[in-house]
N, C-alpha and C. Protein backbone atom coordinates (compact mmCIF):
# COMPACT_ATOMS: atom_id res chain seq x y z
N MET A 1 30.00 -20.60 -10.00
CA MET A 1 28.77 -19.85 -10.05
C MET A 1 28.81 -18.72 -8.99
N THR A 2 28.56 -17.55 -9.39
CA THR A 2 28.64 -16.42 -8.47
C THR A 2 27.26 -15.78 -8.35
N ALA A 3 26.90 -15.40 -7.15
CA ALA A 3 25.60 -14.78 -6.94
C ALA A 3 25.70 -13.29 -7.22
N ALA A 4 24.69 -12.78 -7.77
CA ALA A 4 24.60 -11.33 -8.03
C ALA A 4 24.38 -10.60 -6.70
N PRO A 5 25.05 -9.45 -6.51
CA PRO A 5 24.90 -8.73 -5.25
C PRO A 5 23.41 -8.24 -5.21
N ASP A 6 22.93 -8.11 -3.96
CA ASP A 6 21.60 -7.66 -3.72
C ASP A 6 21.33 -6.22 -4.24
N THR A 7 22.41 -5.35 -4.28
CA THR A 7 22.22 -4.07 -4.74
C THR A 7 21.99 -3.99 -6.24
N MET A 8 22.36 -5.08 -6.98
CA MET A 8 22.19 -5.10 -8.40
C MET A 8 20.75 -5.55 -8.78
N ARG A 9 20.03 -6.05 -7.83
CA ARG A 9 18.73 -6.61 -8.13
C ARG A 9 17.78 -5.51 -8.63
N THR A 10 17.14 -5.83 -9.68
CA THR A 10 16.16 -4.95 -10.29
C THR A 10 14.80 -5.62 -10.28
N SER A 11 13.81 -4.90 -10.16
CA SER A 11 12.46 -5.55 -10.13
C SER A 11 11.51 -4.73 -11.02
N GLN A 12 10.70 -5.45 -11.72
CA GLN A 12 9.72 -4.84 -12.58
C GLN A 12 8.34 -5.25 -12.03
N LEU A 13 7.51 -4.27 -11.78
CA LEU A 13 6.16 -4.64 -11.36
C LEU A 13 5.31 -5.06 -12.50
N PRO A 14 4.43 -6.08 -12.26
CA PRO A 14 3.57 -6.54 -13.39
C PRO A 14 2.35 -5.59 -13.44
N TRP A 15 2.47 -4.48 -14.19
CA TRP A 15 1.48 -3.46 -14.22
C TRP A 15 0.14 -3.97 -14.74
N GLY A 16 0.16 -4.87 -15.70
CA GLY A 16 -1.08 -5.41 -16.24
C GLY A 16 -1.86 -6.16 -15.17
N LYS A 17 -1.15 -7.03 -14.39
CA LYS A 17 -1.81 -7.72 -13.32
C LYS A 17 -2.37 -6.76 -12.17
N ILE A 18 -1.58 -5.75 -11.94
CA ILE A 18 -2.02 -4.80 -10.96
C ILE A 18 -3.22 -4.03 -11.42
N ALA A 19 -3.32 -3.67 -12.73
CA ALA A 19 -4.51 -3.00 -13.22
C ALA A 19 -5.71 -3.97 -13.18
N TRP A 20 -5.57 -5.20 -13.58
CA TRP A 20 -6.66 -6.17 -13.49
C TRP A 20 -7.17 -6.28 -12.06
N PHE A 21 -6.21 -6.45 -11.10
CA PHE A 21 -6.55 -6.60 -9.69
C PHE A 21 -7.32 -5.34 -9.21
N GLY A 22 -6.82 -4.19 -9.62
CA GLY A 22 -7.48 -2.92 -9.25
C GLY A 22 -8.92 -2.91 -9.75
N LEU A 23 -9.09 -3.26 -11.05
CA LEU A 23 -10.47 -3.29 -11.60
C LEU A 23 -11.36 -4.26 -10.87
N LEU A 24 -10.90 -5.42 -10.53
CA LEU A 24 -11.63 -6.42 -9.82
C LEU A 24 -12.01 -5.82 -8.40
N ILE A 25 -11.08 -5.20 -7.72
CA ILE A 25 -11.37 -4.56 -6.40
C ILE A 25 -12.54 -3.59 -6.52
N VAL A 26 -12.37 -2.69 -7.56
CA VAL A 26 -13.36 -1.64 -7.83
C VAL A 26 -14.76 -2.29 -8.11
N ALA A 27 -14.77 -3.32 -8.98
CA ALA A 27 -16.04 -4.02 -9.28
C ALA A 27 -16.65 -4.66 -8.02
N CYS A 28 -15.84 -5.31 -7.22
CA CYS A 28 -16.39 -6.03 -6.11
C CYS A 28 -16.84 -4.99 -4.96
N TYR A 29 -16.17 -3.89 -4.85
CA TYR A 29 -16.46 -2.94 -3.82
C TYR A 29 -17.10 -1.66 -4.29
N ALA A 30 -17.76 -1.67 -5.45
CA ALA A 30 -18.28 -0.46 -6.00
C ALA A 30 -19.30 0.23 -5.12
N GLN A 31 -20.13 -0.54 -4.48
CA GLN A 31 -21.15 0.04 -3.61
C GLN A 31 -20.46 0.75 -2.39
N ILE A 32 -19.47 0.09 -1.86
CA ILE A 32 -18.78 0.67 -0.63
C ILE A 32 -17.98 1.90 -1.15
N LEU A 33 -17.32 1.86 -2.27
CA LEU A 33 -16.54 2.93 -2.75
C LEU A 33 -17.44 4.13 -3.04
N SER A 34 -18.60 3.87 -3.62
CA SER A 34 -19.51 5.09 -3.87
C SER A 34 -20.00 5.67 -2.59
N ALA A 35 -20.23 4.91 -1.55
CA ALA A 35 -20.62 5.44 -0.25
C ALA A 35 -19.38 6.22 0.35
N LEU A 36 -18.22 5.75 0.14
CA LEU A 36 -17.07 6.51 0.64
C LEU A 36 -16.92 7.83 -0.05
N VAL A 37 -17.09 7.87 -1.36
CA VAL A 37 -17.00 9.10 -2.13
C VAL A 37 -18.08 10.07 -1.67
N ARG A 38 -19.28 9.54 -1.50
CA ARG A 38 -20.35 10.47 -0.98
C ARG A 38 -19.97 11.04 0.37
N GLN A 39 -19.46 10.20 1.25
CA GLN A 39 -19.08 10.77 2.61
C GLN A 39 -17.94 11.74 2.52
N TRP A 40 -16.99 11.46 1.65
CA TRP A 40 -15.83 12.39 1.45
C TRP A 40 -16.30 13.73 0.94
N SER A 41 -17.30 13.69 0.10
CA SER A 41 -17.73 14.96 -0.51
C SER A 41 -18.72 15.75 0.42
N ARG A 42 -19.38 15.07 1.33
CA ARG A 42 -20.34 15.74 2.21
C ARG A 42 -19.83 16.10 3.54
N ASP A 43 -18.96 15.33 4.08
CA ASP A 43 -18.43 15.58 5.41
C ASP A 43 -17.10 16.35 5.38
N PRO A 44 -17.08 17.54 5.93
CA PRO A 44 -15.82 18.30 5.88
C PRO A 44 -14.68 17.64 6.57
N ASP A 45 -14.93 16.80 7.55
CA ASP A 45 -13.82 16.13 8.27
C ASP A 45 -13.23 14.99 7.44
N MET A 46 -13.89 14.59 6.40
CA MET A 46 -13.41 13.50 5.59
C MET A 46 -12.94 13.86 4.18
N GLY A 47 -12.79 15.12 3.91
CA GLY A 47 -12.44 15.65 2.57
C GLY A 47 -11.09 15.18 2.13
N HIS A 48 -10.19 14.87 3.08
CA HIS A 48 -8.85 14.39 2.73
C HIS A 48 -8.87 13.06 2.08
N GLY A 49 -9.98 12.32 2.14
CA GLY A 49 -10.13 10.98 1.63
C GLY A 49 -9.83 10.90 0.03
N PHE A 50 -10.11 12.08 -0.64
CA PHE A 50 -9.81 12.11 -2.07
C PHE A 50 -8.39 12.02 -2.41
N PHE A 51 -7.53 12.50 -1.40
CA PHE A 51 -6.04 12.49 -1.61
C PHE A 51 -5.43 11.14 -1.42
N VAL A 52 -6.03 10.29 -0.68
CA VAL A 52 -5.42 8.95 -0.31
C VAL A 52 -5.18 8.11 -1.53
N PRO A 53 -6.13 7.92 -2.49
CA PRO A 53 -5.77 7.09 -3.66
C PRO A 53 -4.63 7.75 -4.52
N VAL A 54 -4.64 9.06 -4.57
CA VAL A 54 -3.62 9.78 -5.43
C VAL A 54 -2.24 9.54 -4.79
N ILE A 55 -2.14 9.64 -3.45
CA ILE A 55 -0.85 9.39 -2.81
C ILE A 55 -0.43 7.95 -2.93
N ALA A 56 -1.41 7.05 -2.83
CA ALA A 56 -1.16 5.65 -2.92
C ALA A 56 -0.55 5.31 -4.33
N VAL A 57 -1.12 5.87 -5.34
CA VAL A 57 -0.66 5.60 -6.71
C VAL A 57 0.72 6.24 -6.90
N TYR A 58 0.94 7.37 -6.29
CA TYR A 58 2.29 8.06 -6.34
C TYR A 58 3.31 7.13 -5.68
N ARG A 59 2.98 6.53 -4.52
CA ARG A 59 3.95 5.74 -3.85
C ARG A 59 4.10 4.41 -4.68
N LEU A 60 3.13 3.90 -5.30
CA LEU A 60 3.25 2.68 -6.13
C LEU A 60 4.15 2.95 -7.30
N ALA A 61 4.23 4.20 -7.88
CA ALA A 61 5.10 4.53 -8.93
C ALA A 61 6.54 4.43 -8.45
N ASP A 62 6.80 4.69 -7.17
CA ASP A 62 8.15 4.59 -6.58
C ASP A 62 8.38 3.15 -6.03
N ALA A 63 7.60 2.14 -6.45
CA ALA A 63 7.79 0.87 -5.82
C ALA A 63 9.10 0.21 -6.05
N ASP A 64 9.77 0.47 -7.21
CA ASP A 64 11.08 -0.09 -7.42
C ASP A 64 12.07 0.35 -6.33
N GLN A 65 11.98 1.58 -5.90
CA GLN A 65 12.85 2.08 -4.85
C GLN A 65 12.47 1.40 -3.53
N LEU A 66 11.22 1.19 -3.27
CA LEU A 66 10.79 0.53 -2.03
C LEU A 66 11.19 -0.94 -2.02
N LEU A 67 11.04 -1.60 -3.17
CA LEU A 67 11.41 -3.03 -3.26
C LEU A 67 12.91 -3.22 -3.09
N ALA A 68 13.69 -2.21 -3.43
CA ALA A 68 15.15 -2.39 -3.30
C ALA A 68 15.62 -2.36 -1.88
N ILE A 69 14.78 -1.93 -0.93
CA ILE A 69 15.15 -1.85 0.47
C ILE A 69 15.20 -3.26 1.04
N GLN A 70 16.34 -3.64 1.57
CA GLN A 70 16.48 -4.93 2.23
C GLN A 70 15.84 -4.97 3.59
N PRO A 71 14.93 -5.94 3.81
CA PRO A 71 14.24 -5.98 5.19
C PRO A 71 15.22 -6.48 6.19
N ARG A 72 15.11 -5.93 7.40
CA ARG A 72 15.91 -6.45 8.55
C ARG A 72 15.03 -6.51 9.75
N PRO A 73 15.25 -7.52 10.56
CA PRO A 73 14.39 -7.59 11.79
C PRO A 73 14.59 -6.47 12.70
N ASN A 74 13.54 -6.04 13.35
CA ASN A 74 13.57 -5.01 14.37
C ASN A 74 12.67 -5.51 15.53
N TRP A 75 13.18 -5.51 16.72
CA TRP A 75 12.46 -6.06 17.79
C TRP A 75 11.73 -5.05 18.64
N TRP A 76 11.78 -3.79 18.20
CA TRP A 76 11.12 -2.75 19.03
C TRP A 76 9.59 -2.85 19.15
N GLY A 77 9.01 -3.63 18.29
CA GLY A 77 7.52 -3.75 18.30
C GLY A 77 7.05 -4.73 19.35
N TRP A 78 7.94 -5.63 19.81
CA TRP A 78 7.50 -6.62 20.75
C TRP A 78 6.90 -6.11 22.04
N PRO A 79 7.59 -5.12 22.65
CA PRO A 79 6.98 -4.50 23.86
C PRO A 79 5.54 -4.03 23.61
N TRP A 80 5.25 -3.40 22.51
CA TRP A 80 3.92 -2.88 22.20
C TRP A 80 2.96 -4.06 22.11
N LEU A 81 3.37 -5.13 21.43
CA LEU A 81 2.52 -6.27 21.32
C LEU A 81 2.23 -6.89 22.66
N TRP A 82 3.22 -6.91 23.54
CA TRP A 82 3.05 -7.52 24.87
C TRP A 82 2.05 -6.57 25.63
N LEU A 83 2.22 -5.28 25.56
CA LEU A 83 1.34 -4.38 26.31
C LEU A 83 -0.15 -4.48 25.75
N ALA A 84 -0.29 -4.65 24.42
CA ALA A 84 -1.62 -4.81 23.88
C ALA A 84 -2.27 -6.14 24.35
N GLU A 85 -1.44 -7.14 24.40
CA GLU A 85 -2.01 -8.46 24.81
C GLU A 85 -2.41 -8.44 26.27
N SER A 86 -1.66 -7.69 27.12
CA SER A 86 -1.97 -7.72 28.56
C SER A 86 -3.23 -6.88 28.91
N ASN A 87 -3.69 -6.03 27.98
CA ASN A 87 -4.84 -5.21 28.24
C ASN A 87 -6.01 -5.98 27.78
């Protein structure tokens, strides 16, 4: 029995489940989302908020590429955590 190399791994996102989850989030947070949209449209400092969901969906479309990246530990964050804890 041979294991398939990690570079050969392919992943398919469950788009149906993602859509249902997205609809549930919108239904649960409809009041908050409508307040956000009102703030984005009225406050000139918050106008960029309309672009955030568009960019998020664009990044989600590239999820296969992101999922193919192999995670590796990186210890550079520990000093920042230690500094935050000490304050």
